[in-house]
Protein backbone atom coordinates (compact mmCIF):
# COMPACT_ATOMS: atom_id res chain seq x y z
CA MET A 1 0.00 0.00 0.00
CA THR A 2 1.24 3.48 -0.79
CA THR A 3 2.65 5.37 2.18
CA ARG A 4 0.38 8.21 3.26
CA ALA A 5 1.37 11.43 1.55
CA THR A 6 2.48 14.41 3.59
CA THR A 7 -0.56 16.60 4.04
CA ALA A 8 -0.81 20.26 3.27
CA THR A 9 -0.85 21.03 6.99
CA THR A 10 2.64 19.70 7.65
CA THR A 11 6.05 20.73 6.38
CA PRO A 12 7.06 18.29 3.63
CA GLN A 13 10.56 16.92 3.44
CA PRO A 14 12.41 18.06 0.30
CA GLY A 15 11.84 15.73 -2.60
CA THR A 16 9.46 13.39 -0.74
CA ALA A 17 5.99 14.96 -0.89
CA PRO A 18 3.99 14.60 -4.12
CA ALA A 19 1.82 17.40 -5.41
CA PRO A 20 -1.54 17.58 -3.63
CA VAL A 21 -4.49 15.93 -5.33
CA LEU A 22 -6.45 19.17 -4.90
CA ASP A 23 -4.91 22.63 -4.63
CA ALA A 24 -7.39 25.51 -4.74
CA THR A 25 -6.35 29.15 -4.33
CA ASP A 26 -8.55 32.25 -3.94
CA VAL A 27 -11.63 30.56 -5.40
CA ARG A 28 -14.54 32.94 -6.04
CA THR A 29 -17.96 32.15 -7.50
CA VAL A 30 -20.34 34.99 -8.33
CA PHE A 31 -23.90 34.57 -9.62
CA HIS A 32 -25.24 37.54 -11.55
CA THR A 33 -28.88 37.99 -10.58
CA PRO A 34 -31.47 40.62 -11.55
CA ARG A 35 -30.88 42.19 -8.12
CA GLY A 36 -27.11 42.29 -8.49
CA PRO A 37 -24.05 40.06 -8.05
CA LEU A 38 -24.25 37.35 -5.39
CA GLN A 39 -20.84 36.15 -4.21
CA ALA A 40 -21.53 32.60 -3.06
CA VAL A 41 -17.84 31.69 -2.62
CA ASP A 42 -15.41 34.43 -1.66
CA GLY A 43 -11.67 33.79 -1.68
CA VAL A 44 -11.47 30.18 -0.47
CA GLY A 45 -8.18 28.29 -0.49
CA LEU A 46 -7.82 24.56 0.21
CA ALA A 47 -5.34 21.76 -0.40
CA LEU A 48 -5.82 18.02 -0.04
CA ALA A 49 -3.33 15.16 -0.22
CA GLU A 50 -3.80 11.55 -1.26
CA GLY A 51 -5.74 9.54 1.30
CA GLU A 52 -6.70 12.63 3.30
CA THR A 53 -10.27 13.56 4.26
CA LEU A 54 -11.41 17.17 4.64
CA GLY A 55 -14.73 18.14 6.20
CA ILE A 56 -16.47 21.36 5.11
CA VAL A 57 -19.12 22.51 7.58
CA GLY A 58 -21.39 25.50 8.05
CA GLU A 59 -25.01 26.60 8.12
CA SER A 60 -27.27 26.10 5.12
CA GLY A 61 -26.53 28.82 2.60
CA SER A 62 -22.91 29.26 3.65
CA GLY A 63 -21.62 28.23 0.21
CA LYS A 64 -20.50 24.66 0.90
CA SER A 65 -22.26 22.99 -2.03
CA VAL A 66 -21.39 25.79 -4.47
CA LEU A 67 -17.75 25.43 -3.42
CA GLY A 68 -17.88 21.68 -4.04
CA ARG A 69 -19.34 22.14 -7.52
CA THR A 70 -16.82 24.88 -8.31
CA LEU A 71 -13.91 22.67 -7.24
CA MET A 72 -15.19 19.93 -9.54
CA GLY A 73 -15.69 22.29 -12.48
CA LEU A 74 -19.47 21.91 -12.63
CA ILE A 75 -19.81 25.68 -12.18
CA THR A 76 -17.77 27.70 -14.66
CA ASP A 77 -17.75 31.12 -16.30
CA GLY A 78 -20.91 31.88 -18.24
CA PRO A 79 -23.45 34.61 -18.95
CA ASP A 80 -24.81 34.42 -15.40
CA THR A 81 -21.73 33.21 -13.51
CA THR A 82 -18.18 34.40 -12.90
CA VAL A 83 -15.61 31.99 -11.49
CA SER A 84 -12.07 33.08 -10.61
CA GLY A 85 -9.09 31.72 -8.73
CA THR A 86 -7.17 28.52 -9.39
CA VAL A 87 -8.37 24.94 -8.90
CA LEU A 88 -5.68 22.37 -9.62
CA LEU A 89 -6.70 18.71 -9.83
CA GLY A 90 -3.70 16.50 -10.29
CA GLY A 91 -1.75 19.59 -11.40
CA ARG A 92 -4.27 20.64 -14.07
CA ASP A 93 -6.27 23.85 -13.77
CA VAL A 94 -9.91 22.75 -14.00
CA HIS A 95 -11.24 26.12 -15.10
CA ALA A 96 -8.60 26.55 -17.81
CA LEU A 97 -9.72 23.35 -19.53
CA SER A 98 -12.23 23.13 -22.36
CA PRO A 99 -15.64 21.57 -21.61
CA ALA A 100 -14.38 18.33 -23.18
CA GLY A 101 -11.26 18.48 -21.02
CA ARG A 102 -13.32 18.86 -17.85
CA ARG A 103 -15.58 15.96 -18.84
CA ALA A 104 -12.47 13.82 -19.26
CA LEU A 105 -11.56 14.56 -15.61
CA TRP A 106 -14.99 13.68 -14.24
CA GLY A 107 -15.00 10.10 -13.12
CA THR A 108 -11.29 9.50 -13.61
CA GLU A 109 -9.72 12.34 -11.60
CA VAL A 110 -12.66 13.60 -9.54
CA ALA A 111 -16.16 12.32 -8.80
CA MET A 112 -19.08 13.58 -6.74
CA VAL A 113 -21.76 12.03 -4.56
CA PHE A 114 -24.80 14.33 -4.50
CA GLN A 115 -27.36 14.90 -1.76
CA ASP A 116 -30.39 13.17 -3.23
CA PRO A 117 -29.61 9.87 -4.96
CA MET A 118 -33.01 9.77 -6.67
CA THR A 119 -32.24 12.94 -8.65
CA SER A 120 -28.80 11.54 -9.56
CA LEU A 121 -30.27 8.43 -11.18
CA ASN A 122 -32.26 8.23 -14.43
CA PRO A 123 -35.56 6.53 -13.55
CA VAL A 124 -35.87 4.87 -16.97
CA LYS A 125 -32.40 3.28 -16.93
CA ARG A 126 -31.45 0.14 -15.09
CA VAL A 127 -28.96 0.38 -12.25
CA GLY A 128 -26.30 -1.49 -14.19
CA THR A 129 -26.57 0.90 -17.14
CA HIS A 130 -25.74 3.85 -14.90
CA LEU A 131 -22.44 2.18 -14.12
CA THR A 132 -21.51 0.65 -17.46
CA GLU A 133 -21.90 3.92 -19.38
CA SER A 134 -18.99 5.63 -17.65
CA ILE A 135 -16.92 2.44 -17.48
CA ARG A 136 -17.15 1.91 -21.24
CA LEU A 137 -16.55 5.62 -21.95
CA HIS A 138 -13.45 6.07 -19.80
CA GLN A 139 -11.97 2.56 -19.65
CA GLY A 140 -12.83 1.26 -23.11
CA LEU A 141 -14.20 -2.08 -21.90
CA GLY A 142 -16.59 -4.22 -23.90
CA ARG A 143 -20.21 -4.71 -22.93
CA ARG A 144 -19.67 -7.94 -20.99
CA GLU A 145 -16.51 -6.75 -19.21
CA ALA A 146 -18.25 -3.49 -18.24
CA ARG A 147 -21.23 -5.41 -16.89
CA ASP A 148 -18.99 -7.64 -14.80
CA ARG A 149 -17.18 -4.57 -13.50
CA ALA A 150 -20.51 -2.93 -12.60
CA VAL A 151 -21.63 -6.00 -10.64
CA GLY A 152 -18.29 -6.00 -8.83
CA LEU A 153 -18.73 -2.35 -7.88
CA LEU A 154 -22.21 -3.00 -6.49
CA ARG A 155 -20.75 -5.84 -4.43
CA GLN A 156 -17.92 -3.58 -3.27
CA VAL A 157 -20.34 -0.99 -1.85
CA GLY A 158 -22.25 -3.65 0.06
CA ILE A 159 -25.32 -4.27 -2.13
CA PRO A 160 -26.60 -7.85 -1.73
CA GLU A 161 -27.37 -9.89 -4.85
CA PRO A 162 -25.54 -7.36 -7.05
CA ALA A 163 -26.25 -9.14 -10.34
CA ARG A 164 -30.00 -8.99 -9.70
CA ARG A 165 -29.86 -5.40 -8.45
CA ALA A 166 -28.00 -4.36 -11.60
CA ARG A 167 -31.06 -5.37 -13.65
CA GLN A 168 -33.47 -3.34 -11.51
CA TYR A 169 -34.59 0.28 -11.85
CA PRO A 170 -33.80 2.97 -9.21
CA HIS A 171 -37.38 3.09 -7.88
CA GLU A 172 -37.12 -0.60 -6.95
CA LEU A 173 -34.35 0.15 -4.44
CA SER A 174 -34.49 1.72 -0.98
CA GLY A 175 -32.96 5.12 -0.29
CA GLY A 176 -29.88 3.58 1.26
CA MET A 177 -29.46 1.21 -1.68
CA ARG A 178 -29.77 4.09 -4.15
CA GLN A 179 -27.11 6.04 -2.29
CA ARG A 180 -24.80 3.02 -2.49
CA VAL A 181 -25.43 2.89 -6.25
CA VAL A 182 -24.47 6.57 -6.53
CA ILE A 183 -21.27 5.86 -4.58
CA ALA A 184 -20.53 2.93 -6.90
CA MET A 185 -21.02 5.26 -9.89
CA ALA A 186 -18.55 7.71 -8.36
CA LEU A 187 -15.97 4.96 -7.84
CA ALA A 188 -16.45 3.32 -11.24
CA CYS A 189 -13.35 4.82 -12.87
CA GLY A 190 -11.09 5.07 -9.82
CA PRO A 191 -11.06 8.83 -9.10
CA ARG A 192 -8.26 10.31 -7.00
CA LEU A 193 -10.66 12.80 -5.37
CA LEU A 194 -14.21 12.15 -4.13
CA ILE A 195 -16.49 15.04 -3.17
CA ALA A 196 -19.43 13.88 -1.04
CA ASP A 197 -22.07 16.62 -0.72
CA GLU A 198 -24.40 15.84 2.20
CA PRO A 199 -24.33 12.13 1.25
CA THR A 200 -26.74 11.06 4.00
CA THR A 201 -29.58 13.54 3.44
CA ALA A 202 -33.07 12.03 4.03
CA LEU A 203 -31.67 8.68 5.19
CA ASP A 204 -32.48 6.91 8.45
CA VAL A 205 -29.91 7.32 11.20
CA THR A 206 -28.72 3.70 10.99
CA VAL A 207 -28.42 3.94 7.20
CA GLN A 208 -26.54 7.23 7.57
CA LYS A 209 -23.92 5.49 9.67
CA GLN A 210 -23.63 2.66 7.16
CA ILE A 211 -23.08 5.10 4.29
CA LEU A 212 -20.52 7.16 6.23
CA ASP A 213 -18.68 4.01 7.34
CA LEU A 214 -18.65 2.84 3.72
CA LEU A 215 -17.20 6.13 2.44
CA GLN A 216 -14.57 6.09 5.18
CA SER A 217 -13.47 2.53 4.48
CA LEU A 218 -13.39 3.07 0.70
CA ALA A 219 -11.32 6.22 1.06
CA ARG A 220 -8.87 4.34 3.27
CA ASP A 221 -8.66 1.24 1.06
CA LEU A 222 -8.45 3.13 -2.25
CA ARG A 223 -6.22 5.97 -0.97
CA MET A 224 -8.69 8.57 -2.24
CA ALA A 225 -8.63 12.16 -1.15
CA THR A 226 -12.15 12.95 0.11
CA VAL A 227 -14.10 16.15 0.71
CA LEU A 228 -17.07 15.55 3.02
CA ILE A 229 -19.57 18.44 2.94
CA SER A 230 -22.11 18.55 5.78
CA HIS A 231 -24.06 20.88 8.03
CA ASP A 232 -23.95 18.15 10.70
CA LEU A 233 -20.84 18.57 12.85
CA ALA A 234 -21.18 15.03 14.23
CA THR A 235 -20.80 13.69 10.69
CA VAL A 236 -17.30 15.12 10.27
CA ALA A 237 -16.10 14.98 13.89
CA GLY A 238 -14.66 11.47 13.84
CA ARG A 239 -14.33 10.90 10.10
CA THR A 240 -12.06 13.67 8.80
CA ASP A 241 -8.42 14.65 9.18
CA ARG A 242 -9.08 18.37 8.84
CA VAL A 243 -12.12 20.59 8.95
CA ALA A 244 -12.90 23.87 7.18
CA VAL A 245 -15.68 26.06 8.59
CA MET A 246 -17.55 28.27 6.11
CA TYR A 247 -19.70 31.29 6.84
CA ALA A 248 -21.36 33.54 4.24
CA GLY A 249 -19.16 32.28 1.42
CA ARG A 250 -15.88 32.63 3.30
CA LEU A 251 -13.60 30.22 5.10
CA VAL A 252 -13.48 31.39 8.72
CA GLU A 253 -11.49 28.57 10.32
CA HIS A 254 -9.39 25.69 9.10
CA GLY A 255 -7.31 23.13 10.95
CA PRO A 256 -6.97 19.55 12.23
CA THR A 257 -10.40 18.25 13.16
CA ALA A 258 -9.52 17.26 16.72
CA GLU A 259 -7.99 20.66 17.45
CA VAL A 260 -10.85 22.68 15.96
CA PHE A 261 -13.45 20.73 17.92
CA ALA A 262 -11.45 20.83 21.16
CA ARG A 263 -10.31 24.46 20.92
CA PRO A 264 -12.24 26.42 18.29
CA ARG A 265 -10.68 29.82 17.66
CA HIS A 266 -13.40 31.54 15.64
CA PRO A 267 -16.53 32.61 17.56
CA TYR A 268 -18.71 31.11 14.83
CA SER A 269 -16.99 27.73 15.07
CA SER A 270 -17.33 27.81 18.85
CA ALA A 271 -21.04 28.65 18.60
CA LEU A 272 -21.66 25.83 16.11
CA ILE A 273 -19.96 23.29 18.34
CA ALA A 274 -21.81 24.55 21.42
CA SER A 275 -25.14 23.99 19.65
CA VAL A 276 -24.52 20.24 19.30
CA PRO A 277 -26.36 18.18 21.96
CA ARG A 278 -24.14 16.09 24.25
CA LEU A 279 -24.90 12.93 26.17
CA ASP A 280 -23.73 14.48 29.45
CA MET A 281 -26.35 17.25 29.25
CA PRO A 282 -29.28 17.07 31.72
CA PRO A 283 -32.66 16.27 30.14
CA HIS A 284 -34.55 19.18 28.55
CA THR A 285 -31.46 21.39 28.44
CA LEU A 286 -31.91 24.25 25.98
CA LEU A 287 -29.14 24.37 23.41
CA PRO A 288 -27.48 27.74 22.84
CA ALA A 289 -28.44 29.35 19.54
CA ILE A 290 -26.60 31.93 17.45
CA GLU A 291 -28.58 35.16 17.59
CA GLY A 292 -29.56 36.84 14.35
CA ARG A 293 -29.46 35.54 10.79
CA PRO A 294 -26.70 34.96 8.23
CA PRO A 295 -26.16 37.99 5.97
CA HIS A 296 -27.77 38.20 2.55
CA LEU A 297 -24.96 37.68 0.05
CA LEU A 298 -26.46 40.23 -2.33
CA ASP A 299 -25.62 42.88 0.27
CA PRO A 300 -23.10 41.49 2.79
CA PRO A 301 -22.00 43.71 5.68
CA PRO A 302 -18.57 45.38 5.52
CA GLY A 303 -15.72 43.94 7.53
CA CYS A 304 -16.19 40.54 9.11
CA ARG A 305 -19.45 39.02 7.90
CA PHE A 306 -20.05 37.38 11.27
CA ALA A 307 -19.64 40.66 13.18
CA PRO A 308 -23.40 41.48 13.42
CA ARG A 309 -23.96 38.17 15.28
CA CYS A 310 -20.69 38.04 17.23
CA ALA A 311 -20.51 38.77 20.96
CA PHE A 312 -16.81 39.70 20.67
CA ALA A 313 -17.09 42.13 17.74
CA THR A 314 -15.43 45.54 17.95
CA GLU A 315 -15.55 48.56 15.67
CA ARG A 316 -12.61 47.15 13.72
CA CYS A 317 -14.64 44.03 12.96
CA THR A 318 -17.40 46.09 11.32
CA THR A 319 -15.05 47.94 8.97
CA GLU A 320 -12.03 45.73 8.26
CA SER A 321 -12.16 42.22 6.82
CA PRO A 322 -9.85 39.75 8.56
CA LEU A 323 -7.34 37.81 6.52
CA PRO A 324 -8.91 34.63 5.09
CA ALA A 325 -8.29 31.27 6.72
CA GLY A 326 -6.20 29.43 4.15
CA HIS A 327 -4.29 26.16 4.05
CA ASP A 328 -0.88 27.62 4.86
CA GLY A 329 -0.55 26.43 8.45
CA PRO A 330 -1.58 23.80 10.98
CA GLY A 331 -4.57 25.92 11.99
CA THR A 332 -5.73 29.30 10.69
CA VAL A 333 -8.62 31.55 11.60
CA ALA A 334 -10.18 34.61 9.91
CA CYS A 335 -10.83 36.70 13.01
CA HIS A 336 -9.43 39.92 14.50
CA HIS A 337 -10.01 38.58 18.03
CA PRO A 338 -9.61 34.78 17.90
CA LEU A 339 -10.65 32.86 20.97
CA GLY A 340 -7.74 31.85 23.17
CA ALA A 341 -5.43 34.55 21.75
CA ALA A 342 -4.90 36.17 25.16
CA GLU A 343 -3.95 32.86 26.77
CA GLU A 344 -1.52 32.09 23.94
CA ALA A 345 0.10 35.51 24.29
CA ALA A 346 0.57 34.99 28.03
CA VAL A 347 2.45 31.71 27.57
């Protein structure tokens, strides 16, 4: 098995660390609406090494899914959209490629698992056909070899009687089964990067765990880099190496998962973690809530976008934007007054 690559959060030894699977710098996605430009992603930078898992968390509307689609190249420059920054997948700039060049990357270099498996599957095509189409396109296999490969993929993701399931239609499968089919589709051509966007939406709790366990084991066995997008902090807590916290299109904190959860430095990260119920809480304990609402991205506030809801905000926070939290250190935070700064200064 390949030795785990040095991650972007550690200092690589000269000549030993390969290029990251994903290297995104200053990514910005703007939708041009009748009411004006809406900046859904604003200056995000991320890097991901082989076999590493990154969790992206934040409230609904924070830009997580748009970021995932931008990283994959599903959102590009057009009449109603402006995308800027650099997204390197395997050293190639996704947004500098032609549409045909991006399609060649999908499935082989990067793949995505979407929120709702039913909308990802064609209801008039059999399950096996969903898999064999991409296998034959990218790997050049014959019909029989592609079918055998499809059955093997269904078996790999834990679907019982895979040969029979391959002949069925999506509506004949349960929600958990359909999600496993979507995962099998994503793995069909051996991508180096898997982006899972809320992969357990609308699934029962027990099925959610099965799907998350499956993704974790596949990423480990296949040495895939994985981006796990979720609004559920518990989903990423024990399943990711690093976590990136998004708020209003910006990255506000980034660092090793254990450190961020144990000692969050951004007030927003701290408030999110505090809102998660714990087993040691007395019954009927009210969870703390973040006052106010996220800003409207058509007219975001100046300075720090979390300032109107932050208990630690000062005048500087309302006028001056903090430096973005990038991937250039073991833990970075976009805040003028990070939590724990006074204690660190006293040491």
